[in-house]
Amino acid sequence: MGKGVCNKCGAAQTNRNRRPHQRVKSMVLEWTALHQEELLQDWQLCKNMQTPFTIEPLE
């Protein structure tokens, strides 16, 4: 019984540690969707050795 509880606690801890990463990934994907045009414009500037514009950061 005790060993099973420890395994479940370990799994819960692992899942808890992964959730923030999933949340961050979701936020970054949302940010890129909101700023897609700006990112593409900046990419073109960088390809032409020009300074990119500032894009609003992720909050």
C-alpha atoms as a PDB file:
ATOM      1  CA  MET A   1       0.000   0.000   0.000  1.00  0.00           C
ATOM      2  CA  GLY A   2       2.692   2.526   0.933  1.00  0.00           C
ATOM      3  CA  LYS A   3       4.694   1.870  -2.217  1.00  0.00           C
ATOM      4  CA  GLY A   4       1.647   2.519  -4.442  1.00  0.00           C
ATOM      5  CA  VAL A   5       0.981   5.792  -2.674  1.00  0.00           C
ATOM      6  CA  CYS A   6       4.577   6.898  -3.239  1.00  0.00           C
ATOM      7  CA  ASN A   7       4.317   6.080  -6.941  1.00  0.00           C
ATOM      8  CA  LYS A   8       1.110   8.085  -7.221  1.00  0.00           C
ATOM      9  CA  CYS A   9       2.687  11.015  -5.375  1.00  0.00           C
ATOM     10  CA  GLY A  10       5.639  10.913  -7.737  1.00  0.00           C
ATOM     11  CA  ALA A  11       3.317  10.929 -10.747  1.00  0.00           C
ATOM     12  CA  ALA A  12       1.357  13.847  -9.302  1.00  0.00           C
ATOM     13  CA  GLN A  13       4.563  15.789  -8.723  1.00  0.00           C
ATOM     14  CA  THR A  14       5.712  15.104 -12.292  1.00  0.00           C
ATOM     15  CA  ASN A  15       2.359  16.250 -13.707  1.00  0.00           C
ATOM     16  CA  ARG A  16       2.409  19.356 -11.549  1.00  0.00           C
ATOM     17  CA  ASN A  17       5.876  20.213 -12.870  1.00  0.00           C
ATOM     18  CA  ARG A  18       4.740  19.850 -16.493  1.00  0.00           C
ATOM     19  CA  ARG A  19       1.683  22.100 -16.248  1.00  0.00           C
ATOM     20  CA  PRO A  20       3.617  25.385 -16.091  1.00  0.00           C
ATOM     21  CA  HIS A  21       5.525  24.389 -19.238  1.00  0.00           C
ATOM     22  CA  GLN A  22       2.277  23.684 -21.076  1.00  0.00           C
ATOM     23  CA  ARG A  23       0.854  27.000 -19.882  1.00  0.00           C
ATOM     24  CA  VAL A  24       3.944  28.874 -21.066  1.00  0.00           C
ATOM     25  CA  LYS A  25       3.847  27.110 -24.422  1.00  0.00           C
ATOM     26  CA  SER A  26       0.180  28.045 -24.811  1.00  0.00           C
ATOM     27  CA  MET A  27       0.926  31.689 -23.970  1.00  0.00           C
ATOM     28  CA  VAL A  28       3.807  31.850 -26.459  1.00  0.00           C
ATOM     29  CA  LEU A  29       1.694  30.310 -29.221  1.00  0.00           C
ATOM     30  CA  GLU A  30      -1.072  32.823 -28.518  1.00  0.00           C
ATOM     31  CA  TRP A  31       1.469  35.679 -28.580  1.00  0.00           C
ATOM     32  CA  THR A  32       2.899  34.538 -31.923  1.00  0.00           C
ATOM     33  CA  ALA A  33      -0.612  34.336 -33.386  1.00  0.00           C
ATOM     34  CA  LEU A  34      -1.351  37.888 -32.232  1.00  0.00           C
ATOM     35  CA  HIS A  35       1.942  39.231 -33.608  1.00  0.00           C
ATOM     36  CA  GLN A  36       2.372  37.041 -36.687  1.00  0.00           C
ATOM     37  CA  GLU A  37       2.453  39.914 -39.168  1.00  0.00           C
ATOM     38  CA  GLU A  38       4.952  41.874 -37.083  1.00  0.00           C
ATOM     39  CA  LEU A  39       7.149  38.800 -36.715  1.00  0.00           C
ATOM     40  CA  LEU A  40       7.135  38.204 -40.471  1.00  0.00           C
ATOM     41  CA  GLN A  41       8.009  41.857 -41.138  1.00  0.00           C
ATOM     42  CA  ASP A  42      10.860  41.691 -38.632  1.00  0.00           C
ATOM     43  CA  TRP A  43      12.081  38.462 -40.208  1.00  0.00           C
ATOM     44  CA  GLN A  44      12.288  40.172 -43.601  1.00  0.00           C
ATOM     45  CA  LEU A  45      14.189  43.090 -42.071  1.00  0.00           C
ATOM     46  CA  CYS A  46      16.657  40.729 -40.415  1.00  0.00           C
ATOM     47  CA  LYS A  47      17.173  38.801 -43.661  1.00  0.00           C
ATOM     48  CA  ASN A  48      18.122  42.137 -45.261  1.00  0.00           C
ATOM     49  CA  MET A  49      20.540  42.907 -42.428  1.00  0.00           C
ATOM     50  CA  GLN A  50      18.255  45.650 -41.090  1.00  0.00           C
ATOM     51  CA  THR A  51      17.262  46.281 -37.511  1.00  0.00           C
ATOM     52  CA  PRO A  52      13.905  44.735 -36.591  1.00  0.00           C
ATOM     53  CA  PHE A  53      11.149  46.737 -34.959  1.00  0.00           C
ATOM     54  CA  THR A  54      10.248  46.193 -31.309  1.00  0.00           C
ATOM     55  CA  ILE A  55       7.286  43.895 -30.746  1.00  0.00           C
ATOM     56  CA  GLU A  56       5.144  44.112 -27.637  1.00  0.00           C
ATOM     57  CA  PRO A  57       6.440  41.504 -25.156  1.00  0.00           C
ATOM     58  CA  LEU A  58       4.533  38.592 -23.694  1.00  0.00           C
ATOM     59  CA  GLU A  59       2.810  39.616 -20.482  1.00  0.00           C
END
